[in-house]
Amino acid sequence: MSTISSSTFRPAILLVGAIVLAACSTAASPSPSPTATAPEATATAAEATATPTEGAAAYTVNVATGAAGDYLAGEGGMTLYVKQGDSTAATNCTGACLDSWPPFTVESGEQVAAGAGVSGTLATFARPEGTTQVTYNGQPLYYFTGDAAAGDTNGQGLAGVWSVAAP
Protein backbone atom coordinates (compact mmCIF):
# COMPACT_ATOMS: atom_id res chain seq x y z
CA MET A 1 0.00 0.00 0.00
CA SER A 2 1.41 3.39 -0.92
CA THR A 3 1.34 6.30 1.47
CA ILE A 4 0.70 9.95 0.77
CA SER A 5 3.05 12.29 2.47
CA SER A 6 1.58 15.21 4.40
CA SER A 7 3.37 17.65 2.08
CA THR A 8 1.46 16.22 -0.93
CA PHE A 9 -1.87 15.92 0.86
CA ARG A 10 -2.04 19.46 2.37
CA PRO A 11 -2.00 21.39 -0.99
CA ALA A 12 -4.71 19.06 -2.35
CA ILE A 13 -6.99 19.82 0.62
CA LEU A 14 -6.38 23.55 0.23
CA LEU A 15 -7.24 23.39 -3.47
CA VAL A 16 -10.47 21.45 -2.81
CA GLY A 17 -11.39 23.89 -0.01
CA ALA A 18 -10.82 26.88 -2.31
CA ILE A 19 -13.03 25.35 -5.02
CA VAL A 20 -15.85 24.63 -2.55
CA LEU A 21 -15.60 28.14 -1.10
CA ALA A 22 -15.71 29.72 -4.56
CA ALA A 23 -18.73 27.64 -5.53
CA CYS A 24 -20.59 28.60 -2.36
CA SER A 25 -19.93 32.31 -2.74
CA THR A 26 -21.02 32.24 -6.38
CA ALA A 27 -24.24 30.41 -5.52
CA ALA A 28 -25.00 32.89 -2.74
CA SER A 29 -24.49 35.94 -4.98
CA PRO A 30 -27.67 37.46 -6.35
CA SER A 31 -28.05 37.44 -10.09
CA PRO A 32 -27.47 40.76 -11.80
CA SER A 33 -30.55 42.89 -12.20
CA PRO A 34 -31.75 43.74 -15.68
CA THR A 35 -30.63 47.05 -17.09
CA ALA A 36 -33.05 49.91 -16.81
CA THR A 37 -34.59 51.53 -19.93
CA ALA A 38 -34.19 54.90 -18.48
CA PRO A 39 -31.26 56.41 -16.56
CA GLU A 40 -31.19 55.95 -12.76
CA ALA A 41 -30.59 58.87 -10.41
CA THR A 42 -30.76 59.87 -6.78
CA ALA A 43 -34.24 61.04 -5.77
CA THR A 44 -34.86 64.78 -5.56
CA ALA A 45 -37.84 66.99 -4.84
CA ALA A 46 -38.36 67.45 -8.58
CA GLU A 47 -38.44 63.74 -9.39
CA ALA A 48 -41.24 61.88 -11.07
CA THR A 49 -42.86 59.54 -8.62
CA ALA A 50 -44.36 56.14 -9.20
CA THR A 51 -47.40 55.37 -7.10
CA PRO A 52 -49.81 52.50 -7.49
CA THR A 53 -53.31 53.35 -8.72
CA GLU A 54 -55.69 50.44 -8.96
CA GLY A 55 -52.88 48.00 -9.72
CA ALA A 56 -51.07 50.19 -12.26
CA ALA A 57 -48.16 52.57 -11.78
CA ALA A 58 -48.76 56.28 -12.27
CA TYR A 59 -45.75 58.39 -13.24
CA THR A 60 -45.88 62.06 -12.40
CA VAL A 61 -43.95 64.44 -14.62
CA ASN A 62 -42.74 67.44 -12.63
CA VAL A 63 -41.14 70.80 -13.30
CA ALA A 64 -37.48 71.16 -12.33
CA THR A 65 -35.32 74.29 -12.41
CA GLY A 66 -31.62 74.41 -13.23
CA ALA A 67 -29.00 75.95 -15.49
CA ALA A 68 -31.27 75.37 -18.51
CA GLY A 69 -34.21 77.15 -16.81
CA ASP A 70 -37.48 75.36 -16.07
CA TYR A 71 -37.84 71.95 -17.68
CA LEU A 72 -39.76 68.71 -17.32
CA ALA A 73 -38.37 65.88 -15.21
CA GLY A 74 -39.43 62.25 -15.53
CA GLU A 75 -38.55 59.11 -13.58
CA GLY A 76 -35.96 59.67 -10.87
CA GLY A 77 -35.99 63.42 -11.52
CA MET A 78 -34.14 62.91 -14.78
CA THR A 79 -34.40 65.66 -17.40
CA LEU A 80 -36.80 65.09 -20.29
CA TYR A 81 -35.92 66.31 -23.79
CA VAL A 82 -37.67 66.95 -27.10
CA LYS A 83 -36.15 66.66 -30.57
CA GLN A 84 -36.63 69.26 -33.25
CA GLY A 85 -38.14 67.57 -36.30
CA ASP A 86 -40.31 65.14 -34.37
CA SER A 87 -43.94 65.67 -35.27
CA THR A 88 -47.04 65.33 -33.17
CA ALA A 89 -47.10 61.80 -31.76
CA ALA A 90 -44.44 60.60 -34.21
CA THR A 91 -40.71 60.18 -33.84
CA ASN A 92 -37.72 60.33 -36.13
CA CYS A 93 -35.36 59.08 -33.37
CA THR A 94 -34.97 55.40 -34.19
CA GLY A 95 -32.11 52.93 -34.51
CA ALA A 96 -28.74 54.30 -33.34
CA CYS A 97 -30.40 57.52 -32.12
CA LEU A 98 -31.98 55.50 -29.29
CA ASP A 99 -28.53 54.55 -27.95
CA SER A 100 -28.09 58.11 -26.64
CA TRP A 101 -31.72 59.22 -26.45
CA PRO A 102 -33.91 56.52 -24.87
CA PRO A 103 -37.60 57.39 -25.09
CA PHE A 104 -39.70 57.95 -21.98
CA THR A 105 -41.95 54.91 -22.23
CA VAL A 106 -44.68 53.32 -20.17
CA GLU A 107 -45.87 49.73 -20.02
CA SER A 108 -49.42 48.63 -20.71
CA GLY A 109 -51.72 49.83 -17.92
CA GLU A 110 -49.29 52.44 -16.58
CA GLN A 111 -50.42 56.04 -16.46
CA VAL A 112 -48.62 59.36 -16.60
CA ALA A 113 -49.84 62.50 -14.81
CA ALA A 114 -48.88 66.16 -14.75
CA GLY A 115 -47.35 67.45 -11.52
CA ALA A 116 -47.51 71.02 -10.20
CA GLY A 117 -46.56 73.57 -12.85
CA VAL A 118 -47.02 71.18 -15.78
CA SER A 119 -49.73 72.90 -17.78
CA GLY A 120 -49.54 71.00 -21.08
CA THR A 121 -51.08 67.72 -22.15
CA LEU A 122 -49.37 64.39 -21.46
CA ALA A 123 -50.33 61.52 -23.75
CA THR A 124 -48.78 58.45 -25.36
CA PHE A 125 -48.33 56.94 -28.81
CA ALA A 126 -47.08 53.64 -30.24
CA ARG A 127 -43.46 53.77 -31.40
CA PRO A 128 -42.41 51.90 -34.58
CA GLU A 129 -40.82 49.07 -32.52
CA GLY A 130 -44.02 48.65 -30.47
CA THR A 131 -43.24 50.45 -27.19
CA THR A 132 -45.49 53.21 -25.86
CA GLN A 133 -43.78 56.61 -25.67
CA VAL A 134 -44.96 59.57 -23.57
CA THR A 135 -45.57 62.93 -25.27
CA TYR A 136 -45.97 66.46 -23.96
CA ASN A 137 -48.22 68.67 -26.09
CA GLY A 138 -47.75 66.08 -28.84
CA GLN A 139 -43.92 66.12 -28.72
CA PRO A 140 -42.27 62.77 -27.91
CA LEU A 141 -40.19 62.86 -24.70
CA TYR A 142 -36.69 61.38 -24.30
CA TYR A 143 -33.94 60.99 -21.72
CA PHE A 144 -30.25 61.56 -22.49
CA THR A 145 -27.70 58.91 -21.53
CA GLY A 146 -25.15 61.69 -20.91
CA ASP A 147 -27.16 62.83 -17.86
CA ALA A 148 -25.86 60.95 -14.83
CA ALA A 149 -28.03 62.46 -12.09
CA ALA A 150 -31.27 64.31 -11.52
CA GLY A 151 -30.77 67.94 -12.52
CA ASP A 152 -28.22 67.24 -15.26
CA THR A 153 -29.09 68.93 -18.56
CA ASN A 154 -26.11 67.79 -20.65
CA GLY A 155 -28.29 67.16 -23.70
CA GLN A 156 -29.46 70.77 -23.95
CA GLY A 157 -28.68 72.10 -27.45
CA LEU A 158 -26.85 69.00 -28.69
CA ALA A 159 -26.59 68.69 -32.46
CA GLY A 160 -28.74 71.82 -32.65
CA VAL A 161 -31.90 69.71 -32.41
CA TRP A 162 -32.22 68.59 -28.79
CA SER A 163 -33.62 70.76 -26.00
CA VAL A 164 -35.01 70.32 -22.52
CA ALA A 165 -38.77 69.91 -22.57
CA ALA A 166 -40.16 73.24 -21.39
CA PRO A 167 -43.22 73.20 -19.13
C-alpha atoms as a PDB file:
ATOM      1  CA  MET A   1       0.000   0.000   0.000  1.00  0.00           C
ATOM      2  CA  SER A   2       1.406   3.392  -0.915  1.00  0.00           C
ATOM      3  CA  THR A   3       1.335   6.296   1.471  1.00  0.00           C
ATOM      4  CA  ILE A   4       0.699   9.946   0.769  1.00  0.00           C
ATOM      5  CA  SER A   5       3.048  12.294   2.467  1.00  0.00           C
ATOM      6  CA  SER A   6       1.584  15.207   4.403  1.00  0.00           C
ATOM      7  CA  SER A   7       3.367  17.651   2.083  1.00  0.00           C
ATOM      8  CA  THR A   8       1.457  16.223  -0.927  1.00  0.00           C
ATOM      9  CA  PHE A   9      -1.870  15.918   0.865  1.00  0.00           C
ATOM     10  CA  ARG A  10      -2.038  19.461   2.371  1.00  0.00           C
ATOM     11  CA  PRO A  11      -2.004  21.391  -0.987  1.00  0.00           C
ATOM     12  CA  ALA A  12      -4.708  19.064  -2.354  1.00  0.00           C
ATOM     13  CA  ILE A  13      -6.986  19.822   0.616  1.00  0.00           C
ATOM     14  CA  LEU A  14      -6.376  23.547   0.232  1.00  0.00           C
ATOM     15  CA  LEU A  15      -7.238  23.386  -3.466  1.00  0.00           C
ATOM     16  CA  VAL A  16     -10.472  21.448  -2.808  1.00  0.00           C
ATOM     17  CA  GLY A  17     -11.394  23.888  -0.014  1.00  0.00           C
ATOM     18  CA  ALA A  18     -10.823  26.878  -2.312  1.00  0.00           C
ATOM     19  CA  ILE A  19     -13.033  25.349  -5.022  1.00  0.00           C
ATOM     20  CA  VAL A  20     -15.852  24.626  -2.551  1.00  0.00           C
ATOM     21  CA  LEU A  21     -15.605  28.136  -1.100  1.00  0.00           C
ATOM     22  CA  ALA A  22     -15.709  29.719  -4.559  1.00  0.00           C
ATOM     23  CA  ALA A  23     -18.729  27.644  -5.531  1.00  0.00           C
ATOM     24  CA  CYS A  24     -20.589  28.600  -2.362  1.00  0.00           C
ATOM     25  CA  SER A  25     -19.931  32.306  -2.737  1.00  0.00           C
ATOM     26  CA  THR A  26     -21.023  32.244  -6.375  1.00  0.00           C
ATOM     27  CA  ALA A  27     -24.241  30.409  -5.515  1.00  0.00           C
ATOM     28  CA  ALA A  28     -25.005  32.893  -2.743  1.00  0.00           C
ATOM     29  CA  SER A  29     -24.491  35.945  -4.981  1.00  0.00           C
ATOM     30  CA  PRO A  30     -27.668  37.463  -6.349  1.00  0.00           C
ATOM     31  CA  SER A  31     -28.055  37.438 -10.094  1.00  0.00           C
ATOM     32  CA  PRO A  32     -27.472  40.757 -11.795  1.00  0.00           C
ATOM     33  CA  SER A  33     -30.552  42.886 -12.196  1.00  0.00           C
ATOM     34  CA  PRO A  34     -31.753  43.744 -15.682  1.00  0.00           C
ATOM     35  CA  THR A  35     -30.627  47.051 -17.086  1.00  0.00           C
ATOM     36  CA  ALA A  36     -33.054  49.906 -16.813  1.00  0.00           C
ATOM     37  CA  THR A  37     -34.594  51.527 -19.928  1.00  0.00           C
ATOM     38  CA  ALA A  38     -34.193  54.897 -18.479  1.00  0.00           C
ATOM     39  CA  PRO A  39     -31.260  56.412 -16.555  1.00  0.00           C
ATOM     40  CA  GLU A  40     -31.187  55.947 -12.762  1.00  0.00           C
ATOM     41  CA  ALA A  41     -30.593  58.867 -10.406  1.00  0.00           C
ATOM     42  CA  THR A  42     -30.764  59.865  -6.776  1.00  0.00           C
ATOM     43  CA  ALA A  43     -34.236  61.043  -5.771  1.00  0.00           C
ATOM     44  CA  THR A  44     -34.863  64.781  -5.558  1.00  0.00           C
ATOM     45  CA  ALA A  45     -37.838  66.986  -4.836  1.00  0.00           C
ATOM     46  CA  ALA A  46     -38.364  67.448  -8.581  1.00  0.00           C
ATOM     47  CA  GLU A  47     -38.437  63.736  -9.388  1.00  0.00           C
ATOM     48  CA  ALA A  48     -41.238  61.880 -11.071  1.00  0.00           C
ATOM     49  CA  THR A  49     -42.862  59.539  -8.624  1.00  0.00           C
ATOM     50  CA  ALA A  50     -44.360  56.140  -9.203  1.00  0.00           C
ATOM     51  CA  THR A  51     -47.396  55.370  -7.097  1.00  0.00           C
ATOM     52  CA  PRO A  52     -49.811  52.499  -7.489  1.00  0.00           C
ATOM     53  CA  THR A  53     -53.305  53.351  -8.720  1.00  0.00           C
ATOM     54  CA  GLU A  54     -55.692  50.436  -8.956  1.00  0.00           C
ATOM     55  CA  GLY A  55     -52.881  47.997  -9.717  1.00  0.00           C
ATOM     56  CA  ALA A  56     -51.065  50.186 -12.259  1.00  0.00           C
ATOM     57  CA  ALA A  57     -48.160  52.574 -11.779  1.00  0.00           C
ATOM     58  CA  ALA A  58     -48.759  56.280 -12.270  1.00  0.00           C
ATOM     59  CA  TYR A  59     -45.751  58.388 -13.239  1.00  0.00           C
ATOM     60  CA  THR A  60     -45.879  62.065 -12.401  1.00  0.00           C
ATOM     61  CA  VAL A  61     -43.952  64.444 -14.624  1.00  0.00           C
ATOM     62  CA  ASN A  62     -42.741  67.436 -12.625  1.00  0.00           C
ATOM     63  CA  VAL A  63     -41.137  70.797 -13.303  1.00  0.00           C
ATOM     64  CA  ALA A  64     -37.478  71.162 -12.335  1.00  0.00           C
ATOM     65  CA  THR A  65     -35.319  74.287 -12.411  1.00  0.00           C
ATOM     66  CA  GLY A  66     -31.624  74.411 -13.227  1.00  0.00           C
ATOM     67  CA  ALA A  67     -29.003  75.952 -15.493  1.00  0.00           C
ATOM     68  CA  ALA A  68     -31.265  75.373 -18.513  1.00  0.00           C
ATOM     69  CA  GLY A  69     -34.206  77.149 -16.809  1.00  0.00           C
ATOM     70  CA  ASP A  70     -37.480  75.364 -16.068  1.00  0.00           C
ATOM     71  CA  TYR A  71     -37.836  71.945 -17.679  1.00  0.00           C
ATOM     72  CA  LEU A  72     -39.764  68.707 -17.323  1.00  0.00           C
ATOM     73  CA  ALA A  73     -38.372  65.882 -15.206  1.00  0.00           C
ATOM     74  CA  GLY A  74     -39.425  62.250 -15.529  1.00  0.00           C
ATOM     75  CA  GLU A  75     -38.548  59.109 -13.585  1.00  0.00           C
ATOM     76  CA  GLY A  76     -35.958  59.666 -10.867  1.00  0.00           C
ATOM     77  CA  GLY A  77     -35.994  63.416 -11.518  1.00  0.00           C
ATOM     78  CA  MET A  78     -34.136  62.913 -14.783  1.00  0.00           C
ATOM     79  CA  THR A  79     -34.400  65.657 -17.402  1.00  0.00           C
ATOM     80  CA  LEU A  80     -36.795  65.092 -20.286  1.00  0.00           C
ATOM     81  CA  TYR A  81     -35.921  66.308 -23.789  1.00  0.00           C
ATOM     82  CA  VAL A  82     -37.668  66.950 -27.105  1.00  0.00           C
ATOM     83  CA  LYS A  83     -36.154  66.664 -30.573  1.00  0.00           C
ATOM     84  CA  GLN A  84     -36.635  69.259 -33.252  1.00  0.00           C
ATOM     85  CA  GLY A  85     -38.145  67.575 -36.298  1.00  0.00           C
ATOM     86  CA  ASP A  86     -40.313  65.142 -34.372  1.00  0.00           C
ATOM     87  CA  SER A  87     -43.937  65.673 -35.272  1.00  0.00           C
ATOM     88  CA  THR A  88     -47.043  65.331 -33.175  1.00  0.00           C
ATOM     89  CA  ALA A  89     -47.100  61.798 -31.762  1.00  0.00           C
ATOM     90  CA  ALA A  90     -44.442  60.596 -34.213  1.00  0.00           C
ATOM     91  CA  THR A  91     -40.705  60.177 -33.842  1.00  0.00           C
ATOM     92  CA  ASN A  92     -37.724  60.326 -36.127  1.00  0.00           C
ATOM     93  CA  CYS A  93     -35.364  59.084 -33.365  1.00  0.00           C
ATOM     94  CA  THR A  94     -34.974  55.397 -34.190  1.00  0.00           C
ATOM     95  CA  GLY A  95     -32.110  52.933 -34.513  1.00  0.00           C
ATOM     96  CA  ALA A  96     -28.737  54.295 -33.336  1.00  0.00           C
ATOM     97  CA  CYS A  97     -30.400  57.517 -32.115  1.00  0.00           C
ATOM     98  CA  LEU A  98     -31.977  55.499 -29.288  1.00  0.00           C
ATOM     99  CA  ASP A  99     -28.529  54.550 -27.951  1.00  0.00           C
ATOM    100  CA  SER A 100     -28.088  58.113 -26.644  1.00  0.00           C
ATOM    101  CA  TRP A 101     -31.719  59.218 -26.454  1.00  0.00           C
ATOM    102  CA  PRO A 102     -33.914  56.525 -24.874  1.00  0.00           C
ATOM    103  CA  PRO A 103     -37.598  57.387 -25.092  1.00  0.00           C
ATOM    104  CA  PHE A 104     -39.704  57.955 -21.975  1.00  0.00           C
ATOM    105  CA  THR A 105     -41.945  54.913 -22.231  1.00  0.00           C
ATOM    106  CA  VAL A 106     -44.676  53.318 -20.168  1.00  0.00           C
ATOM    107  CA  GLU A 107     -45.874  49.731 -20.020  1.00  0.00           C
ATOM    108  CA  SER A 108     -49.419  48.630 -20.706  1.00  0.00           C
ATOM    109  CA  GLY A 109     -51.718  49.825 -17.917  1.00  0.00           C
ATOM    110  CA  GLU A 110     -49.287  52.438 -16.577  1.00  0.00           C
ATOM    111  CA  GLN A 111     -50.422  56.039 -16.460  1.00  0.00           C
ATOM    112  CA  VAL A 112     -48.622  59.358 -16.600  1.00  0.00           C
ATOM    113  CA  ALA A 113     -49.837  62.499 -14.812  1.00  0.00           C
ATOM    114  CA  ALA A 114     -48.876  66.162 -14.749  1.00  0.00           C
ATOM    115  CA  GLY A 115     -47.350  67.449 -11.522  1.00  0.00           C
ATOM    116  CA  ALA A 116     -47.509  71.024 -10.197  1.00  0.00           C
ATOM    117  CA  GLY A 117     -46.559  73.565 -12.849  1.00  0.00           C
ATOM    118  CA  VAL A 118     -47.019  71.184 -15.778  1.00  0.00           C
ATOM    119  CA  SER A 119     -49.733  72.904 -17.784  1.00  0.00           C
ATOM    120  CA  GLY A 120     -49.539  70.995 -21.080  1.00  0.00           C
ATOM    121  CA  THR A 121     -51.077  67.716 -22.147  1.00  0.00           C
ATOM    122  CA  LEU A 122     -49.370  64.392 -21.457  1.00  0.00           C
ATOM    123  CA  ALA A 123     -50.328  61.522 -23.746  1.00  0.00           C
ATOM    124  CA  THR A 124     -48.782  58.452 -25.365  1.00  0.00           C
ATOM    125  CA  PHE A 125     -48.329  56.940 -28.812  1.00  0.00           C
ATOM    126  CA  ALA A 126     -47.084  53.639 -30.238  1.00  0.00           C
ATOM    127  CA  ARG A 127     -43.458  53.768 -31.403  1.00  0.00           C
ATOM    128  CA  PRO A 128     -42.410  51.900 -34.578  1.00  0.00           C
ATOM    129  CA  GLU A 129     -40.820  49.075 -32.515  1.00  0.00           C
ATOM    130  CA  GLY A 130     -44.015  48.650 -30.468  1.00  0.00           C
ATOM    131  CA  THR A 131     -43.242  50.447 -27.187  1.00  0.00           C
ATOM    132  CA  THR A 132     -45.490  53.213 -25.855  1.00  0.00           C
ATOM    133  CA  GLN A 133     -43.778  56.613 -25.671  1.00  0.00           C
ATOM    134  CA  VAL A 134     -44.959  59.569 -23.569  1.00  0.00           C
ATOM    135  CA  THR A 135     -45.572  62.926 -25.268  1.00  0.00           C
ATOM    136  CA  TYR A 136     -45.970  66.456 -23.962  1.00  0.00           C
ATOM    137  CA  ASN A 137     -48.216  68.670 -26.092  1.00  0.00           C
ATOM    138  CA  GLY A 138     -47.754  66.080 -28.843  1.00  0.00           C
ATOM    139  CA  GLN A 139     -43.925  66.124 -28.716  1.00  0.00           C
ATOM    140  CA  PRO A 140     -42.267  62.766 -27.913  1.00  0.00           C
ATOM    141  CA  LEU A 141     -40.191  62.856 -24.699  1.00  0.00           C
ATOM    142  CA  TYR A 142     -36.693  61.385 -24.301  1.00  0.00           C
ATOM    143  CA  TYR A 143     -33.944  60.985 -21.719  1.00  0.00           C
ATOM    144  CA  PHE A 144     -30.250  61.558 -22.493  1.00  0.00           C
ATOM    145  CA  THR A 145     -27.696  58.914 -21.528  1.00  0.00           C
ATOM    146  CA  GLY A 146     -25.150  61.686 -20.907  1.00  0.00           C
ATOM    147  CA  ASP A 147     -27.156  62.826 -17.863  1.00  0.00           C
ATOM    148  CA  ALA A 148     -25.859  60.946 -14.827  1.00  0.00           C
ATOM    149  CA  ALA A 149     -28.028  62.456 -12.092  1.00  0.00           C
ATOM    150  CA  ALA A 150     -31.267  64.314 -11.518  1.00  0.00           C
ATOM    151  CA  GLY A 151     -30.774  67.945 -12.522  1.00  0.00           C
ATOM    152  CA  ASP A 152     -28.217  67.238 -15.262  1.00  0.00           C
ATOM    153  CA  THR A 153     -29.087  68.929 -18.564  1.00  0.00           C
ATOM    154  CA  ASN A 154     -26.110  67.792 -20.648  1.00  0.00           C
ATOM    155  CA  GLY A 155     -28.285  67.157 -23.705  1.00  0.00           C
ATOM    156  CA  GLN A 156     -29.465  70.772 -23.953  1.00  0.00           C
ATOM    157  CA  GLY A 157     -28.684  72.104 -27.452  1.00  0.00           C
ATOM    158  CA  LEU A 158     -26.846  69.002 -28.691  1.00  0.00           C
ATOM    159  CA  ALA A 159     -26.590  68.694 -32.463  1.00  0.00           C
ATOM    160  CA  GLY A 160     -28.743  71.816 -32.648  1.00  0.00           C
ATOM    161  CA  VAL A 161     -31.897  69.712 -32.407  1.00  0.00           C
ATOM    162  CA  TRP A 162     -32.216  68.594 -28.786  1.00  0.00           C
ATOM    163  CA  SER A 163     -33.623  70.760 -26.003  1.00  0.00           C
ATOM    164  CA  VAL A 164     -35.014  70.321 -22.524  1.00  0.00           C
ATOM    165  CA  ALA A 165     -38.775  69.907 -22.572  1.00  0.00           C
ATOM    166  CA  ALA A 166     -40.162  73.236 -21.393  1.00  0.00           C
ATOM    167  CA  PRO A 167     -43.219  73.200 -19.133  1.00  0.00           C
END
